[in-house]
Each structure stands twice: as C-alpha cells, then as structure tokens.
Amino acid sequence: MKYEVRKERSSHRVPMIPHEPAYLLCSVDGINIDPVVEDLGGGGARLVCPTHFDLFREGQLIGPCVLVLQDEGMPIVYPVVRWKFWPLIGVEFTKMAEKERQMIVRFLNNVERRKRDKK
C-alpha cells in the first residue's frame, strides 16, 4: 500500500548527540530492524540503515514502530519512507497522537539544551 506524503518538511530537525543515539525499533518484511536516528523532528527523522537499506521503498508505511528516546520514553510512531539515499532513509511520521509528539518535542528540547551546555 502506498501513502501520499508531503514534499516539504513539516518541522525543524535536530541532529542527535554523538554516542547518545536514538533508535527506531521496527519490523520490515518480518525482519526486526533498529536503525539509528541521525536527526529528528516532531514530524519525521533521518535514519542510518546500511545493513537493511534495500528493504525500504519510497512511499512505504513501516509502522507501527517504537522510537527509543533516551531519558524521555518510547513513543509509538507510524513512519512513511519519503526518500532514500544510501545509507540514509528519510521518514515522515503519520497518525501520531499528541502525547507522542509532545514526548518527541521534550526530547528535542533536552538534546538542544545539552548541546548548548557542552559549548
């Protein structure tokens, strides 16, 4: 099944802190995958997934997935693949509850605060 996705990004993205990754736990074609989140926003993410890159197709719904956010929680997200360019995969989150979106926003605020504090 193919889903329509917007062409423009719906929110600001924040690069993750090295050595403190976020992960997306999901299953694609029956294979459990946990790509690293390179950058994250309230509406989507850029994933690094060299091992299982070929399992992803543009327009593919790969959810529900669990977004593992250090010290914040594990919101359920429904990503749709917007683009792929080895080893990166761009996803847009769809059908997300406000509670999950707020959890992501709090996590992003903490990441940005910790980056400022390290300077």
PDB file of N, CA and C in Angstrom:
ATOM      1  N   MET A   1       0.842  -1.164   0.000  1.00  0.00           N
ATOM      2  CA  MET A   1       0.000   0.000   0.000  1.00  0.00           C
ATOM      3  C   MET A   1       0.895   1.239   0.000  1.00  0.00           C
ATOM      4  N   LYS A   2       0.595   2.204  -0.854  1.00  0.00           N
ATOM      5  CA  LYS A   2       1.395   3.424  -0.957  1.00  0.00           C
ATOM      6  C   LYS A   2       0.631   4.588  -0.348  1.00  0.00           C
ATOM      7  N   TYR A   3       1.325   5.413   0.449  1.00  0.00           N
ATOM      8  CA  TYR A   3       0.716   6.552   1.122  1.00  0.00           C
ATOM      9  C   TYR A   3       1.250   7.831   0.513  1.00  0.00           C
ATOM     10  N   GLU A   4       0.372   8.822   0.408  1.00  0.00           N
ATOM     11  CA  GLU A   4       0.797  10.133  -0.055  1.00  0.00           C
ATOM     12  C   GLU A   4       1.597  10.807   1.047  1.00  0.00           C
ATOM     13  N   VAL A   5       2.688  11.454   0.668  1.00  0.00           N
ATOM     14  CA  VAL A   5       3.495  12.191   1.643  1.00  0.00           C
ATOM     15  C   VAL A   5       3.726  13.592   1.133  1.00  0.00           C
ATOM     16  N   ARG A   6       3.874  14.528   2.075  1.00  0.00           N
ATOM     17  CA  ARG A   6       4.124  15.918   1.701  1.00  0.00           C
ATOM     18  C   ARG A   6       5.532  16.055   1.148  1.00  0.00           C
ATOM     19  N   LYS A   7       5.723  17.034   0.289  1.00  0.00           N
ATOM     20  CA  LYS A   7       7.036  17.283  -0.298  1.00  0.00           C
ATOM     21  C   LYS A   7       7.928  18.102   0.629  1.00  0.00           C
ATOM     22  N   GLU A   8       7.333  18.989   1.439  1.00  0.00           N
ATOM     23  CA  GLU A   8       8.139  19.829   2.309  1.00  0.00           C
ATOM     24  C   GLU A   8       8.193  19.237   3.705  1.00  0.00           C
ATOM     25  N   ARG A   9       9.241  19.556   4.428  1.00  0.00           N
ATOM     26  CA  ARG A   9       9.405  19.081   5.799  1.00  0.00           C
ATOM     27  C   ARG A   9       8.466  19.859   6.696  1.00  0.00           C
ATOM     28  N   SER A  10       7.795  19.153   7.621  1.00  0.00           N
ATOM     29  CA  SER A  10       6.780  19.799   8.449  1.00  0.00           C
ATOM     30  C   SER A  10       7.332  20.393   9.742  1.00  0.00           C
ATOM     31  N   SER A  11       8.582  20.092  10.105  1.00  0.00           N
ATOM     32  CA  SER A  11       9.123  20.637  11.341  1.00  0.00           C
ATOM     33  C   SER A  11      10.646  20.679  11.273  1.00  0.00           C
ATOM     34  N   HIS A  12      11.214  21.473  12.159  1.00  0.00           N
ATOM     35  CA  HIS A  12      12.657  21.606  12.288  1.00  0.00           C
ATOM     36  C   HIS A  12      13.260  20.289  12.761  1.00  0.00           C
ATOM     37  N   ARG A  13      14.433  19.934  12.239  1.00  0.00           N
ATOM     38  CA  ARG A  13      15.108  18.711  12.661  1.00  0.00           C
ATOM     39  C   ARG A  13      16.311  19.051  13.527  1.00  0.00           C
ATOM     40  N   VAL A  14      16.595  18.184  14.495  1.00  0.00           N
ATOM     41  CA  VAL A  14      17.705  18.361  15.420  1.00  0.00           C
ATOM     42  C   VAL A  14      18.659  17.186  15.272  1.00  0.00           C
ATOM     43  N   PRO A  15      19.946  17.449  14.977  1.00  0.00           N
ATOM     44  CA  PRO A  15      20.921  16.350  14.939  1.00  0.00           C
ATOM     45  C   PRO A  15      21.083  15.745  16.330  1.00  0.00           C
ATOM     46  N   MET A  16      21.203  14.429  16.377  1.00  0.00           N
ATOM     47  CA  MET A  16      21.372  13.751  17.655  1.00  0.00           C
ATOM     48  C   MET A  16      22.797  13.936  18.172  1.00  0.00           C
ATOM     49  N   ILE A  17      22.972  13.767  19.471  1.00  0.00           N
ATOM     50  CA  ILE A  17      24.282  13.892  20.106  1.00  0.00           C
ATOM     51  C   ILE A  17      25.074  12.614  19.844  1.00  0.00           C
ATOM     52  N   PRO A  18      26.306  12.728  19.328  1.00  0.00           N
ATOM     53  CA  PRO A  18      27.109  11.521  19.110  1.00  0.00           C
ATOM     54  C   PRO A  18      27.249  10.722  20.405  1.00  0.00           C
ATOM     55  N   HIS A  19      27.264   9.424  20.281  1.00  0.00           N
ATOM     56  CA  HIS A  19      27.423   8.486  21.402  1.00  0.00           C
ATOM     57  C   HIS A  19      26.202   8.450  22.319  1.00  0.00           C
ATOM     58  N   GLU A  20      25.104   9.126  21.961  1.00  0.00           N
ATOM     59  CA  GLU A  20      23.851   9.061  22.703  1.00  0.00           C
ATOM     60  C   GLU A  20      22.700   8.920  21.701  1.00  0.00           C
ATOM     61  N   PRO A  21      22.701   7.835  20.941  1.00  0.00           N
ATOM     62  CA  PRO A  21      21.752   7.724  19.832  1.00  0.00           C
ATOM     63  C   PRO A  21      20.314   7.457  20.256  1.00  0.00           C
ATOM     64  N   ALA A  22      19.422   7.825  19.371  1.00  0.00           N
ATOM     65  CA  ALA A  22      18.022   7.420  19.444  1.00  0.00           C
ATOM     66  C   ALA A  22      17.862   6.328  18.380  1.00  0.00           C
ATOM     67  N   TYR A  23      16.931   5.427  18.600  1.00  0.00           N
ATOM     68  CA  TYR A  23      16.709   4.324  17.671  1.00  0.00           C
ATOM     69  C   TYR A  23      15.247   4.239  17.292  1.00  0.00           C
ATOM     70  N   LEU A  24      14.995   3.648  16.128  1.00  0.00           N
ATOM     71  CA  LEU A  24      13.643   3.340  15.700  1.00  0.00           C
ATOM     72  C   LEU A  24      13.541   1.823  15.635  1.00  0.00           C
ATOM     73  N   LEU A  25      12.745   1.231  16.523  1.00  0.00           N
ATOM     74  CA  LEU A  25      12.570  -0.217  16.529  1.00  0.00           C
ATOM     75  C   LEU A  25      11.376  -0.554  15.661  1.00  0.00           C
ATOM     76  N   CYS A  26      11.631  -1.330  14.595  1.00  0.00           N
ATOM     77  CA  CYS A  26      10.546  -1.660  13.686  1.00  0.00           C
ATOM     78  C   CYS A  26      10.812  -3.009  13.027  1.00  0.00           C
ATOM     79  N   SER A  27       9.814  -3.472  12.304  1.00  0.00           N
ATOM     80  CA  SER A  27       9.920  -4.721  11.567  1.00  0.00           C
ATOM     81  C   SER A  27       9.536  -4.432  10.124  1.00  0.00           C
ATOM     82  N   VAL A  28      10.398  -4.841   9.190  1.00  0.00           N
ATOM     83  CA  VAL A  28      10.133  -4.673   7.768  1.00  0.00           C
ATOM     84  C   VAL A  28      10.254  -6.042   7.113  1.00  0.00           C
ATOM     85  N   ASP A  29       9.206  -6.464   6.448  1.00  0.00           N
ATOM     86  CA  ASP A  29       9.168  -7.780   5.801  1.00  0.00           C
ATOM     87  C   ASP A  29       9.550  -8.900   6.780  1.00  0.00           C
ATOM     88  N   GLY A  30       9.094  -8.765   8.035  1.00  0.00           N
ATOM     89  CA  GLY A  30       9.346  -9.791   9.038  1.00  0.00           C
ATOM     90  C   GLY A  30      10.734  -9.759   9.657  1.00  0.00           C
ATOM     91  N   ILE A  31      11.542  -8.757   9.312  1.00  0.00           N
ATOM     92  CA  ILE A  31      12.898  -8.629   9.851  1.00  0.00           C
ATOM     93  C   ILE A  31      12.912  -7.479  10.842  1.00  0.00           C
ATOM     94  N   ASN A  32      13.370  -7.754  12.069  1.00  0.00           N
ATOM     95  CA  ASN A  32      13.484  -6.700  13.078  1.00  0.00           C
ATOM     96  C   ASN A  32      14.675  -5.816  12.763  1.00  0.00           C
ATOM     97  N   ILE A  33      14.423  -4.512  12.729  1.00  0.00           N
ATOM     98  CA  ILE A  33      15.443  -3.530  12.344  1.00  0.00           C
ATOM     99  C   ILE A  33      15.458  -2.437  13.414  1.00  0.00           C
ATOM    100  N   ASP A  34      16.644  -1.927  13.728  1.00  0.00           N
ATOM    101  CA  ASP A  34      16.734  -0.821  14.687  1.00  0.00           C
ATOM    102  C   ASP A  34      17.700   0.239  14.169  1.00  0.00           C
ATOM    103  N   PRO A  35      17.282   0.967  13.097  1.00  0.00           N
ATOM    104  CA  PRO A  35      18.168   1.995  12.554  1.00  0.00           C
ATOM    105  C   PRO A  35      18.412   3.121  13.556  1.00  0.00           C
ATOM    106  N   VAL A  36      19.600   3.689  13.485  1.00  0.00           N
ATOM    107  CA  VAL A  36      19.963   4.832  14.315  1.00  0.00           C
ATOM    108  C   VAL A  36      19.302   6.075  13.732  1.00  0.00           C
ATOM    109  N   VAL A  37      18.776   6.924  14.601  1.00  0.00           N
ATOM    110  CA  VAL A  37      18.185   8.196  14.184  1.00  0.00           C
ATOM    111  C   VAL A  37      19.314   9.220  14.124  1.00  0.00           C
ATOM    112  N   GLU A  38      19.602   9.740  12.916  1.00  0.00           N
ATOM    113  CA  GLU A  38      20.664  10.733  12.755  1.00  0.00           C
ATOM    114  C   GLU A  38      20.177  12.128  13.130  1.00  0.00           C
ATOM    115  N   ASP A  39      18.967  12.469  12.668  1.00  0.00           N
ATOM    116  CA  ASP A  39      18.337  13.705  13.124  1.00  0.00           C
ATOM    117  C   ASP A  39      16.845  13.462  13.252  1.00  0.00           C
ATOM    118  N   LEU A  40      16.219  14.279  14.111  1.00  0.00           N
ATOM    119  CA  LEU A  40      14.837  14.029  14.491  1.00  0.00           C
ATOM    120  C   LEU A  40      14.087  15.337  14.594  1.00  0.00           C
ATOM    121  N   GLY A  41      12.838  15.317  14.178  1.00  0.00           N
ATOM    122  CA  GLY A  41      11.927  16.439  14.346  1.00  0.00           C
ATOM    123  C   GLY A  41      10.580  15.909  14.786  1.00  0.00           C
ATOM    124  N   GLY A  42       9.666  16.793  15.095  1.00  0.00           N
ATOM    125  CA  GLY A  42       8.342  16.364  15.515  1.00  0.00           C
ATOM    126  C   GLY A  42       7.568  15.646  14.426  1.00  0.00           C
ATOM    127  N   GLY A  43       7.971  15.853  13.175  1.00  0.00           N
ATOM    128  CA  GLY A  43       7.238  15.248  12.070  1.00  0.00           C
ATOM    129  C   GLY A  43       7.968  14.164  11.319  1.00  0.00           C
ATOM    130  N   GLY A  44       9.213  13.849  11.717  1.00  0.00           N
ATOM    131  CA  GLY A  44       9.935  12.808  10.997  1.00  0.00           C
ATOM    132  C   GLY A  44      11.376  12.700  11.439  1.00  0.00           C
ATOM    133  N   ALA A  45      12.133  11.893  10.688  1.00  0.00           N
ATOM    134  CA  ALA A  45      13.520  11.634  11.067  1.00  0.00           C
ATOM    135  C   ALA A  45      14.336  11.221   9.845  1.00  0.00           C
ATOM    136  N   ARG A  46      15.652  11.350  10.008  1.00  0.00           N
ATOM    137  CA  ARG A  46      16.598  10.792   9.033  1.00  0.00           C
ATOM    138  C   ARG A  46      17.267   9.626   9.740  1.00  0.00           C
ATOM    139  N   LEU A  47      17.163   8.449   9.127  1.00  0.00           N
ATOM    140  CA  LEU A  47      17.680   7.219   9.708  1.00  0.00           C
ATOM    141  C   LEU A  47      18.946   6.775   8.995  1.00  0.00           C
ATOM    142  N   VAL A  48      19.835   6.109   9.724  1.00  0.00           N
ATOM    143  CA  VAL A  48      21.025   5.490   9.143  1.00  0.00           C
ATOM    144  C   VAL A  48      20.795   3.988   9.205  1.00  0.00           C
ATOM    145  N   CYS A  49      20.747   3.343   8.035  1.00  0.00           N
ATOM    146  CA  CYS A  49      20.423   1.916   7.995  1.00  0.00           C
ATOM    147  C   CYS A  49      21.146   1.231   6.835  1.00  0.00           C
ATOM    148  N   PRO A  50      22.485   1.085   6.917  1.00  0.00           N
ATOM    149  CA  PRO A  50      23.207   0.463   5.815  1.00  0.00           C
ATOM    150  C   PRO A  50      22.920  -1.027   5.651  1.00  0.00           C
ATOM    151  N   THR A  51      22.685  -1.741   6.742  1.00  0.00           N
ATOM    152  CA  THR A  51      22.524  -3.194   6.671  1.00  0.00           C
ATOM    153  C   THR A  51      21.250  -3.614   5.957  1.00  0.00           C
ATOM    154  N   HIS A  52      20.133  -2.972   6.258  1.00  0.00           N
ATOM    155  CA  HIS A  52      18.836  -3.366   5.694  1.00  0.00           C
ATOM    156  C   HIS A  52      18.265  -2.306   4.755  1.00  0.00           C
ATOM    157  N   PHE A  53      19.116  -1.501   4.175  1.00  0.00           N
ATOM    158  CA  PHE A  53      18.704  -0.387   3.323  1.00  0.00           C
ATOM    159  C   PHE A  53      17.737  -0.829   2.217  1.00  0.00           C
ATOM    160  N   ASP A  54      18.001  -1.967   1.591  1.00  0.00           N
ATOM    161  CA  ASP A  54      17.204  -2.412   0.444  1.00  0.00           C
ATOM    162  C   ASP A  54      15.795  -2.877   0.808  1.00  0.00           C
ATOM    163  N   LEU A  55      15.493  -3.022   2.088  1.00  0.00           N
ATOM    164  CA  LEU A  55      14.142  -3.400   2.498  1.00  0.00           C
ATOM    165  C   LEU A  55      13.161  -2.229   2.431  1.00  0.00           C
ATOM    166  N   PHE A  56      13.672  -1.013   2.337  1.00  0.00           N
ATOM    167  CA  PHE A  56      12.836   0.186   2.359  1.00  0.00           C
ATOM    168  C   PHE A  56      12.540   0.670   0.948  1.00  0.00           C
ATOM    169  N   ARG A  57      11.269   1.137   0.733  1.00  0.00           N
ATOM    170  CA  ARG A  57      10.851   1.698  -0.551  1.00  0.00           C
ATOM    171  C   ARG A  57      10.167   3.041  -0.308  1.00  0.00           C
ATOM    172  N   GLU A  58      10.363   3.987  -1.195  1.00  0.00           N
ATOM    173  CA  GLU A  58       9.684   5.283  -1.060  1.00  0.00           C
ATOM    174  C   GLU A  58       8.176   5.065  -1.060  1.00  0.00           C
ATOM    175  N   GLY A  59       7.488   5.747  -0.135  1.00  0.00           N
ATOM    176  CA  GLY A  59       6.048   5.617  -0.001  1.00  0.00           C
ATOM    177  C   GLY A  59       5.611   4.484   0.912  1.00  0.00           C
ATOM    178  N   GLN A  60       6.537   3.687   1.399  1.00  0.00           N
ATOM    179  CA  GLN A  60       6.240   2.524   2.234  1.00  0.00           C
ATOM    180  C   GLN A  60       5.924   2.927   3.672  1.00  0.00           C
ATOM    181  N   LEU A  61       4.813   2.415   4.222  1.00  0.00           N
ATOM    182  CA  LEU A  61       4.496   2.584   5.630  1.00  0.00           C
ATOM    183  C   LEU A  61       5.248   1.510   6.388  1.00  0.00           C
ATOM    184  N   ILE A  62       6.073   1.909   7.368  1.00  0.00           N
ATOM    185  CA  ILE A  62       6.863   0.924   8.103  1.00  0.00           C
ATOM    186  C   ILE A  62       6.469   0.849   9.573  1.00  0.00           C
ATOM    187  N   GLY A  63       5.275   1.329   9.911  1.00  0.00           N
ATOM    188  CA  GLY A  63       4.867   1.329  11.311  1.00  0.00           C
ATOM    189  C   GLY A  63       3.794   0.316  11.592  1.00  0.00           C
ATOM    190  N   PRO A  64       3.420   0.183  12.838  1.00  0.00           N
ATOM    191  CA  PRO A  64       3.884   0.999  13.947  1.00  0.00           C
ATOM    192  C   PRO A  64       5.309   0.633  14.361  1.00  0.00           C
ATOM    193  N   CYS A  65       6.029   1.646  14.827  1.00  0.00           N
ATOM    194  CA  CYS A  65       7.401   1.488  15.301  1.00  0.00           C
ATOM    195  C   CYS A  65       7.525   2.147  16.663  1.00  0.00           C
ATOM    196  N   VAL A  66       8.554   1.759  17.390  1.00  0.00           N
ATOM    197  CA  VAL A  66       8.838   2.370  18.684  1.00  0.00           C
ATOM    198  C   VAL A  66      10.070   3.245  18.521  1.00  0.00           C
ATOM    199  N   LEU A  67       9.945   4.502  18.865  1.00  0.00           N
ATOM    200  CA  LEU A  67      11.050   5.447  18.824  1.00  0.00           C
ATOM    201  C   LEU A  67      11.661   5.486  20.217  1.00  0.00           C
ATOM    202  N   VAL A  68      12.899   5.010  20.352  1.00  0.00           N
ATOM    203  CA  VAL A  68      13.553   4.929  21.657  1.00  0.00           C
ATOM    204  C   VAL A  68      14.312   6.222  21.901  1.00  0.00           C
ATOM    205  N   LEU A  69      13.816   7.006  22.873  1.00  0.00           N
ATOM    206  CA  LEU A  69      14.381   8.314  23.193  1.00  0.00           C
ATOM    207  C   LEU A  69      14.975   8.266  24.589  1.00  0.00           C
ATOM    208  N   GLN A  70      16.272   8.349  24.674  1.00  0.00           N
ATOM    209  CA  GLN A  70      16.984   8.243  25.941  1.00  0.00           C
ATOM    210  C   GLN A  70      16.435   9.227  26.972  1.00  0.00           C
ATOM    211  N   ASP A  71      16.114   8.742  28.152  1.00  0.00           N
ATOM    212  CA  ASP A  71      15.637   9.533  29.294  1.00  0.00           C
ATOM    213  C   ASP A  71      14.282  10.206  29.066  1.00  0.00           C
ATOM    214  N   GLU A  72      13.578   9.872  27.981  1.00  0.00           N
ATOM    215  CA  GLU A  72      12.286  10.517  27.745  1.00  0.00           C
ATOM    216  C   GLU A  72      11.162   9.509  27.574  1.00  0.00           C
ATOM    217  N   GLY A  73      11.413   8.403  26.902  1.00  0.00           N
ATOM    218  CA  GLY A  73      10.359   7.419  26.715  1.00  0.00           C
ATOM    219  C   GLY A  73      10.445   6.746  25.363  1.00  0.00           C
ATOM    220  N   MET A  74       9.344   6.076  25.014  1.00  0.00           N
ATOM    221  CA  MET A  74       9.314   5.300  23.781  1.00  0.00           C
ATOM    222  C   MET A  74       7.982   5.510  23.066  1.00  0.00           C
ATOM    223  N   PRO A  75       7.849   6.645  22.358  1.00  0.00           N
ATOM    224  CA  PRO A  75       6.589   6.892  21.651  1.00  0.00           C
ATOM    225  C   PRO A  75       6.402   5.929  20.472  1.00  0.00           C
ATOM    226  N   ILE A  76       5.143   5.638  20.190  1.00  0.00           N
ATOM    227  CA  ILE A  76       4.787   4.831  19.021  1.00  0.00           C
ATOM    228  C   ILE A  76       4.607   5.785  17.846  1.00  0.00           C
ATOM    229  N   VAL A  77       5.281   5.498  16.727  1.00  0.00           N
ATOM    230  CA  VAL A  77       5.190   6.331  15.529  1.00  0.00           C
ATOM    231  C   VAL A  77       4.867   5.449  14.323  1.00  0.00           C
ATOM    232  N   TYR A  78       4.331   6.066  13.303  1.00  0.00           N
ATOM    233  CA  TYR A  78       3.967   5.383  12.066  1.00  0.00           C
ATOM    234  C   TYR A  78       4.704   6.066  10.916  1.00  0.00           C
ATOM    235  N   PRO A  79       5.968   5.676  10.665  1.00  0.00           N
ATOM    236  CA  PRO A  79       6.755   6.340   9.629  1.00  0.00           C
ATOM    237  C   PRO A  79       6.384   5.884   8.214  1.00  0.00           C
ATOM    238  N   VAL A  80       6.453   6.833   7.304  1.00  0.00           N
ATOM    239  CA  VAL A  80       6.345   6.560   5.874  1.00  0.00           C
ATOM    240  C   VAL A  80       7.669   7.006   5.255  1.00  0.00           C
ATOM    241  N   VAL A  81       8.246   6.153   4.410  1.00  0.00           N
ATOM    242  CA  VAL A  81       9.521   6.478   3.761  1.00  0.00           C
ATOM    243  C   VAL A  81       9.272   7.562   2.720  1.00  0.00           C
ATOM    244  N   ARG A  82       9.943   8.708   2.870  1.00  0.00           N
ATOM    245  CA  ARG A  82       9.820   9.804   1.899  1.00  0.00           C
ATOM    246  C   ARG A  82      10.903   9.737   0.847  1.00  0.00           C
ATOM    247  N   TRP A  83      12.130   9.362   1.264  1.00  0.00           N
ATOM    248  CA  TRP A  83      13.256   9.303   0.337  1.00  0.00           C
ATOM    249  C   TRP A  83      14.304   8.351   0.905  1.00  0.00           C
ATOM    250  N   LYS A  84      15.217   7.915   0.050  1.00  0.00           N
ATOM    251  CA  LYS A  84      16.348   7.102   0.494  1.00  0.00           C
ATOM    252  C   LYS A  84      17.553   7.383  -0.387  1.00  0.00           C
ATOM    253  N   PHE A  85      18.695   7.468   0.241  1.00  0.00           N
ATOM    254  CA  PHE A  85      19.972   7.700  -0.434  1.00  0.00           C
ATOM    255  C   PHE A  85      21.024   7.025   0.440  1.00  0.00           C
ATOM    256  N   TRP A  86      21.538   5.900   0.005  1.00  0.00           N
ATOM    257  CA  TRP A  86      22.349   5.015   0.838  1.00  0.00           C
ATOM    258  C   TRP A  86      23.392   5.766   1.630  1.00  0.00           C
ATOM    259  N   PRO A  87      23.479   5.508   2.916  1.00  0.00           N
ATOM    260  CA  PRO A  87      22.728   4.598   3.797  1.00  0.00           C
ATOM    261  C   PRO A  87      21.602   5.297   4.553  1.00  0.00           C
ATOM    262  N   LEU A  88      21.172   6.471   4.070  1.00  0.00           N
ATOM    263  CA  LEU A  88      20.180   7.282   4.784  1.00  0.00           C
ATOM    264  C   LEU A  88      18.766   7.058   4.251  1.00  0.00           C
ATOM    265  N   ILE A  89      17.804   7.135   5.169  1.00  0.00           N
ATOM    266  CA  ILE A  89      16.394   6.983   4.825  1.00  0.00           C
ATOM    267  C   ILE A  89      15.632   8.096   5.532  1.00  0.00           C
ATOM    268  N   GLY A  90      14.894   8.886   4.768  1.00  0.00           N
ATOM    269  CA  GLY A  90      14.082   9.950   5.344  1.00  0.00           C
ATOM    270  C   GLY A  90      12.663   9.467   5.554  1.00  0.00           C
ATOM    271  N   VAL A  91      12.148   9.628   6.772  1.00  0.00           N
ATOM    272  CA  VAL A  91      10.784   9.193   7.068  1.00  0.00           C
ATOM    273  C   VAL A  91       9.961  10.346   7.627  1.00  0.00           C
ATOM    274  N   GLU A  92       8.673  10.288   7.348  1.00  0.00           N
ATOM    275  CA  GLU A  92       7.706  11.238   7.901  1.00  0.00           C
ATOM    276  C   GLU A  92       6.801  10.458   8.834  1.00  0.00           C
ATOM    277  N   PHE A  93       6.546  11.003  10.022  1.00  0.00           N
ATOM    278  CA  PHE A  93       5.658  10.352  10.971  1.00  0.00           C
ATOM    279  C   PHE A  93       4.219  10.727  10.644  1.00  0.00           C
ATOM    280  N   THR A  94       3.351   9.725  10.564  1.00  0.00           N
ATOM    281  CA  THR A  94       1.931   9.947  10.305  1.00  0.00           C
ATOM    282  C   THR A  94       1.128   9.365  11.457  1.00  0.00           C
ATOM    283  N   LYS A  95      -0.120   9.719  11.557  1.00  0.00           N
ATOM    284  CA  LYS A  95      -1.036   9.169  12.560  1.00  0.00           C
ATOM    285  C   LYS A  95      -0.464   9.199  13.975  1.00  0.00           C
ATOM    286  N   MET A  96       0.247  10.257  14.337  1.00  0.00           N
ATOM    287  CA  MET A  96       0.865  10.326  15.656  1.00  0.00           C
ATOM    288  C   MET A  96      -0.067  11.032  16.647  1.00  0.00           C
ATOM    289  N   ALA A  97      -0.216  10.428  17.815  1.00  0.00           N
ATOM    290  CA  ALA A  97      -1.008  11.041  18.881  1.00  0.00           C
ATOM    291  C   ALA A  97      -0.260  12.248  19.443  1.00  0.00           C
ATOM    292  N   GLU A  98      -0.999  13.199  19.965  1.00  0.00           N
ATOM    293  CA  GLU A  98      -0.388  14.409  20.526  1.00  0.00           C
ATOM    294  C   GLU A  98       0.565  14.065  21.669  1.00  0.00           C
ATOM    295  N   LYS A  99       0.236  13.068  22.459  1.00  0.00           N
ATOM    296  CA  LYS A  99       1.103  12.637  23.566  1.00  0.00           C
ATOM    297  C   LYS A  99       2.487  12.217  23.050  1.00  0.00           C
ATOM    298  N   GLU A 100       2.512  11.472  21.957  1.00  0.00           N
ATOM    299  CA  GLU A 100       3.785  11.043  21.365  1.00  0.00           C
ATOM    300  C   GLU A 100       4.554  12.238  20.807  1.00  0.00           C
ATOM    301  N   ARG A 101       3.855  13.138  20.128  1.00  0.00           N
ATOM    302  CA  ARG A 101       4.505  14.325  19.565  1.00  0.00           C
ATOM    303  C   ARG A 101       5.129  15.169  20.678  1.00  0.00           C
ATOM    304  N   GLN A 102       4.414  15.332  21.792  1.00  0.00           N
ATOM    305  CA  GLN A 102       4.952  16.112  22.904  1.00  0.00           C
ATOM    306  C   GLN A 102       6.176  15.434  23.523  1.00  0.00           C
ATOM    307  N   MET A 103       6.181  14.110  23.578  1.00  0.00           N
ATOM    308  CA  MET A 103       7.333  13.377  24.096  1.00  0.00           C
ATOM    309  C   MET A 103       8.562  13.649  23.220  1.00  0.00           C
ATOM    310  N   ILE A 104       8.369  13.653  21.892  1.00  0.00           N
ATOM    311  CA  ILE A 104       9.464  13.933  20.964  1.00  0.00           C
ATOM    312  C   ILE A 104       9.949  15.369  21.146  1.00  0.00           C
ATOM    313  N   VAL A 105       9.040  16.314  21.267  1.00  0.00           N
ATOM    314  CA  VAL A 105       9.406  17.726  21.439  1.00  0.00           C
ATOM    315  C   VAL A 105      10.216  17.912  22.726  1.00  0.00           C
ATOM    316  N   ARG A 106       9.788  17.287  23.823  1.00  0.00           N
ATOM    317  CA  ARG A 106      10.555  17.378  25.083  1.00  0.00           C
ATOM    318  C   ARG A 106      11.955  16.800  24.903  1.00  0.00           C
ATOM    319  N   PHE A 107      12.055  15.664  24.230  1.00  0.00           N
ATOM    320  CA  PHE A 107      13.356  15.047  23.981  1.00  0.00           C
ATOM    321  C   PHE A 107      14.250  15.981  23.173  1.00  0.00           C
ATOM    322  N   LEU A 108      13.695  16.592  22.123  1.00  0.00           N
ATOM    323  CA  LEU A 108      14.472  17.502  21.275  1.00  0.00           C
ATOM    324  C   LEU A 108      14.927  18.726  22.058  1.00  0.00           C
ATOM    325  N   ASN A 109      14.062  19.256  22.906  1.00  0.00           N
ATOM    326  CA  ASN A 109      14.451  20.393  23.748  1.00  0.00           C
ATOM    327  C   ASN A 109      15.605  20.006  24.664  1.00  0.00           C
ATOM    328  N   ASN A 110      15.564  18.810  25.231  1.00  0.00           N
ATOM    329  CA  ASN A 110      16.659  18.337  26.089  1.00  0.00           C
ATOM    330  C   ASN A 110      17.957  18.179  25.308  1.00  0.00           C
ATOM    331  N   VAL A 111      17.877  17.648  24.083  1.00  0.00           N
ATOM    332  CA  VAL A 111      19.072  17.488  23.242  1.00  0.00           C
ATOM    333  C   VAL A 111      19.685  18.852  22.953  1.00  0.00           C
ATOM    334  N   GLU A 112      18.867  19.812  22.552  1.00  0.00           N
ATOM    335  CA  GLU A 112      19.389  21.150  22.241  1.00  0.00           C
ATOM    336  C   GLU A 112      19.982  21.816  23.475  1.00  0.00           C
ATOM    337  N   ARG A 113      19.360  21.657  24.624  1.00  0.00           N
ATOM    338  CA  ARG A 113      19.873  22.229  25.872  1.00  0.00           C
ATOM    339  C   ARG A 113      21.223  21.607  26.227  1.00  0.00           C
ATOM    340  N   ARG A 114      21.332  20.297  26.101  1.00  0.00           N
ATOM    341  CA  ARG A 114      22.594  19.613  26.424  1.00  0.00           C
ATOM    342  C   ARG A 114      23.707  20.022  25.458  1.00  0.00           C
ATOM    343  N   LYS A 115      23.369  20.250  24.194  1.00  0.00           N
ATOM    344  CA  LYS A 115      24.381  20.719  23.235  1.00  0.00           C
ATOM    345  C   LYS A 115      24.875  22.109  23.618  1.00  0.00           C
ATOM    346  N   ARG A 116      23.954  23.003  24.007  1.00  0.00           N
ATOM    347  CA  ARG A 116      24.350  24.348  24.410  1.00  0.00           C
ATOM    348  C   ARG A 116      25.227  24.296  25.659  1.00  0.00           C
ATOM    349  N   ASP A 117      24.879  23.431  26.598  1.00  0.00           N
ATOM    350  CA  ASP A 117      25.642  23.325  27.843  1.00  0.00           C
ATOM    351  C   ASP A 117      27.062  22.805  27.623  1.00  0.00           C
ATOM    352  N   LYS A 118      27.272  22.035  26.568  1.00  0.00           N
ATOM    353  CA  LYS A 118      28.604  21.486  26.278  1.00  0.00           C
ATOM    354  C   LYS A 118      29.543  22.502  25.634  1.00  0.00           C
ATOM    355  N   LYS A 119      28.983  23.591  25.132  1.00  0.00           N
ATOM    356  CA  LYS A 119      29.807  24.602  24.442  1.00  0.00           C
ATOM    357  C   LYS A 119      30.583  25.445  25.413  1.00  0.00           C
TER     358      LYS A 119
END
